[in-house]
Protein backbone atom coordinates (compact mmCIF):
# COMPACT_ATOMS: atom_id res chain seq x y z
CA MET A 1 60.13 65.10 -81.41
CA ILE A 2 63.46 63.28 -81.08
CA ARG A 3 63.71 60.00 -82.99
CA LEU A 4 66.35 57.80 -81.38
CA GLY A 5 67.62 54.67 -83.08
CA LEU A 6 68.57 51.85 -80.72
CA THR A 7 70.83 49.10 -81.98
CA GLY A 8 73.49 46.64 -80.93
CA SER A 9 74.88 43.28 -81.91
CA ILE A 10 73.42 39.97 -80.79
CA GLY A 11 73.63 39.37 -77.05
CA MET A 12 74.44 42.96 -76.13
CA GLY A 13 71.25 43.52 -74.11
CA LYS A 14 69.32 45.68 -76.56
CA SER A 15 65.94 44.12 -75.66
CA THR A 16 66.58 44.80 -71.97
CA VAL A 17 67.47 48.41 -72.71
CA ALA A 18 64.40 48.83 -74.94
CA ALA A 19 62.26 47.57 -72.04
CA MET A 20 63.86 50.22 -69.81
CA PHE A 21 62.84 52.94 -72.25
CA ARG A 22 59.27 51.56 -72.22
CA GLU A 23 59.24 51.48 -68.41
CA ALA A 24 60.22 55.17 -68.49
CA GLY A 25 57.19 55.93 -70.67
CA VAL A 26 58.99 56.24 -74.01
CA PRO A 27 57.20 54.55 -76.94
CA VAL A 28 59.46 51.96 -78.60
CA PHE A 29 59.08 50.60 -82.12
CA ASP A 30 60.46 47.05 -82.03
CA ALA A 31 61.49 46.05 -85.55
CA ASP A 32 61.92 42.39 -84.55
CA ALA A 33 58.42 42.28 -83.01
CA ALA A 34 57.04 43.85 -86.17
CA VAL A 35 58.74 41.14 -88.25
CA HIS A 36 57.33 38.40 -85.98
CA ALA A 37 53.81 39.81 -86.39
CA LEU A 38 54.21 40.16 -90.15
CA GLN A 39 55.45 36.56 -90.36
CA GLY A 40 52.78 35.16 -88.03
CA PRO A 41 49.51 33.46 -89.02
CA GLY A 42 47.82 35.70 -91.58
CA GLY A 43 50.76 38.10 -91.48
CA ALA A 44 51.35 40.28 -94.53
CA VAL A 45 54.63 38.61 -95.55
CA ALA A 46 53.84 34.95 -94.80
CA LYS A 47 52.43 34.16 -98.27
CA PRO A 48 55.17 36.01 -100.20
CA ILE A 49 57.82 34.20 -98.11
CA GLU A 50 56.21 30.81 -98.84
CA ALA A 51 56.16 31.67 -102.54
CA ALA A 52 59.86 32.57 -102.48
CA PHE A 53 60.93 29.80 -100.08
CA PRO A 54 58.48 26.87 -100.41
CA GLY A 55 58.01 24.79 -97.28
CA THR A 56 59.04 27.49 -94.81
CA THR A 57 55.54 28.34 -93.52
CA GLY A 58 52.74 26.46 -91.81
CA PRO A 59 49.62 27.06 -89.70
CA ALA A 60 51.68 29.15 -87.24
CA GLY A 61 53.03 31.35 -90.02
CA VAL A 62 56.70 31.38 -90.96
CA ASP A 63 58.81 28.54 -89.54
CA ARG A 64 61.72 30.76 -88.51
CA PRO A 65 64.28 27.96 -88.00
CA ALA A 66 63.44 26.49 -91.41
CA LEU A 67 63.62 29.91 -93.06
CA GLY A 68 66.85 30.72 -91.24
CA ALA A 69 68.40 27.48 -92.50
CA ARG A 70 67.50 28.53 -96.06
CA VAL A 71 68.96 32.05 -95.93
CA LEU A 72 71.82 32.02 -93.41
CA GLY A 73 75.08 31.97 -95.33
CA ASP A 74 73.35 32.62 -98.68
CA PRO A 75 73.53 36.35 -99.52
CA HIS A 76 71.25 35.99 -102.56
CA ALA A 77 68.52 34.23 -100.57
CA LEU A 78 68.88 36.72 -97.72
CA GLY A 79 68.50 39.57 -100.20
CA ARG A 80 65.29 38.03 -101.58
CA LEU A 81 63.92 37.69 -98.04
CA GLU A 82 64.82 41.27 -97.15
CA ALA A 83 63.12 42.55 -100.32
CA ILE A 84 59.90 41.00 -98.98
CA VAL A 85 60.22 41.92 -95.31
CA LEU A 86 61.89 45.36 -95.18
CA PRO A 87 59.21 47.34 -97.08
CA ALA A 88 56.51 45.82 -94.83
CA VAL A 89 58.48 46.78 -91.71
CA ALA A 90 58.92 50.31 -93.09
CA ARG A 91 55.13 50.63 -93.37
CA GLU A 92 54.73 49.48 -89.75
CA ARG A 93 57.35 52.00 -88.65
CA LEU A 94 55.52 54.84 -90.40
CA ALA A 95 52.23 53.84 -88.76
CA PHE A 96 53.96 53.82 -85.34
CA LEU A 97 55.34 57.30 -86.00
CA GLU A 98 51.89 58.59 -86.93
CA ARG A 99 50.31 57.06 -83.79
CA HIS A 100 52.88 58.75 -81.53
CA ALA A 101 53.32 62.05 -83.35
CA ALA A 102 52.78 64.12 -80.19
CA GLU A 103 55.49 62.39 -78.10
CA PRO A 104 58.73 64.25 -77.27
CA LEU A 105 60.88 61.12 -77.73
CA LEU A 106 60.46 57.91 -79.73
CA VAL A 107 62.84 54.95 -79.80
CA PHE A 108 63.28 52.75 -82.88
CA ASP A 109 64.75 49.39 -81.84
CA ILE A 110 66.44 48.19 -85.05
CA PRO A 111 68.94 45.30 -84.75
CA LEU A 112 70.71 45.85 -88.11
CA LEU A 113 70.35 49.63 -88.15
CA PHE A 114 73.83 50.39 -89.50
CA GLU A 115 74.11 47.24 -91.63
CA LYS A 116 70.85 47.88 -93.51
CA GLY A 117 70.91 51.69 -93.64
CA GLY A 118 68.08 52.09 -91.13
CA SER A 119 69.31 55.39 -89.71
CA ALA A 120 67.44 57.54 -92.24
CA GLY A 121 64.97 59.80 -90.50
CA LEU A 122 66.58 59.39 -87.08
CA ASP A 123 67.97 62.26 -85.01
CA ALA A 124 70.50 60.17 -83.07
CA VAL A 125 71.60 56.58 -82.58
CA ALA A 126 72.35 54.78 -79.30
CA VAL A 127 74.37 51.57 -79.44
CA VAL A 128 74.01 48.96 -76.70
CA SER A 129 77.36 47.34 -75.99
CA ALA A 130 79.04 44.89 -73.62
CA PRO A 131 82.48 43.26 -73.51
CA ALA A 132 82.92 40.41 -76.02
CA PRO A 133 83.17 37.66 -73.36
CA VAL A 134 79.88 38.82 -71.81
CA GLN A 135 78.23 38.90 -75.23
CA ARG A 136 79.46 35.39 -76.06
CA ALA A 137 78.31 33.93 -72.74
CA ARG A 138 74.85 35.49 -73.13
CA VAL A 139 74.39 34.21 -76.69
CA LEU A 140 75.67 30.69 -76.06
CA ALA A 141 73.25 30.38 -73.12
CA ARG A 142 70.32 30.67 -75.55
CA PRO A 143 68.40 27.54 -76.54
CA ASN A 144 69.59 25.89 -79.77
CA MET A 145 72.57 28.23 -80.09
CA THR A 146 75.95 26.82 -81.10
CA PRO A 147 79.35 28.51 -81.40
CA GLU A 148 79.16 28.02 -85.18
CA LYS A 149 75.73 29.64 -85.44
CA PHE A 150 76.92 32.52 -83.23
CA GLU A 151 79.93 33.11 -85.48
CA ALA A 152 77.72 33.03 -88.60
CA ILE A 153 75.41 35.66 -87.07
CA LEU A 154 78.36 37.82 -86.03
CA ALA A 155 79.72 37.66 -89.58
CA LEU A 156 76.54 39.39 -90.81
CA GLN A 157 76.81 42.17 -88.22
CA MET A 158 79.05 45.22 -88.15
CA PRO A 159 81.76 44.81 -85.48
CA ASP A 160 80.79 46.26 -82.10
CA ALA A 161 83.75 48.66 -82.08
CA GLU A 162 82.61 50.15 -85.39
CA LYS A 163 79.04 50.51 -84.14
CA ARG A 164 80.27 52.31 -81.02
CA ALA A 165 82.41 54.62 -83.17
CA ARG A 166 79.42 55.53 -85.34
CA ALA A 167 76.97 55.99 -82.46
CA ASP A 168 75.89 59.27 -80.92
CA HIS A 169 75.43 57.51 -77.56
CA VAL A 170 76.71 54.22 -76.11
CA ILE A 171 74.81 52.32 -73.40
CA ASP A 172 77.08 49.90 -71.53
CA THR A 173 75.28 46.71 -70.47
CA GLY A 174 78.41 45.03 -69.16
CA VAL A 175 77.50 46.57 -65.78
CA GLY A 176 74.63 45.83 -63.42
CA LEU A 177 71.01 46.39 -64.43
CA GLU A 178 70.63 49.42 -62.18
CA ASP A 179 73.71 51.05 -63.72
CA THR A 180 72.30 50.39 -67.18
CA ARG A 181 68.92 51.80 -66.15
CA ALA A 182 70.63 54.94 -64.84
CA GLN A 183 72.36 55.38 -68.22
CA VAL A 184 68.98 55.10 -69.97
CA GLN A 185 67.43 57.68 -67.63
CA ARG A 186 70.32 60.10 -68.22
CA LEU A 187 69.96 59.70 -71.97
CA ILE A 188 66.20 60.34 -71.83
CA SER A 189 66.82 63.47 -69.74
CA CYS A 190 69.54 64.67 -72.10
CA LEU A 191 67.45 64.18 -75.25
CA THR A 192 64.23 65.65 -73.89
CA ALA A 193 66.08 68.61 -72.33
CA ARG A 194 67.05 69.68 -75.85
CA GLN A 195 63.39 70.42 -76.41
CA GLY A 196 62.93 72.25 -73.13
CA ARG A 197 60.76 69.45 -71.70
């Protein structure tokens, strides 16, 4: 089995690329989706988050904007949140791995893979990248996004150039969707060919 990490900064098109892997039949572990489920109603981390950050949960689980307002720009608060969430996500990741143990290729979609040391246990890392103006336009088109919020998020992420330098593979999303899909297909072929599949 090849375990491929998939990462990229905000607005680079990582979710689109992850969907392309799924469409090609490759199981994808989505760390963000795991966090959403864990923070949802009855989720495993909702109560611990409320205990650490009172007033940030409700009937729908964690109020992400309220929680974000409490931790963004506060490294100590962010560290407390990560100490609650990251171990729970690690358990979900292990369960995913066990469910798909017979697959030739698995993708682990981890937004802060390099920043949070998430590359342990991976065989290779692919970084999704696009030119900075494309990234900025994509992010600022999102609901409730402001230039200031975008800059604050970028400040928490490793620069794109450094991610590309550390990656084993780079998937360019600054091109058309079909070109990106072709890159994904080539990468799948390359990785599975190593196993004679």
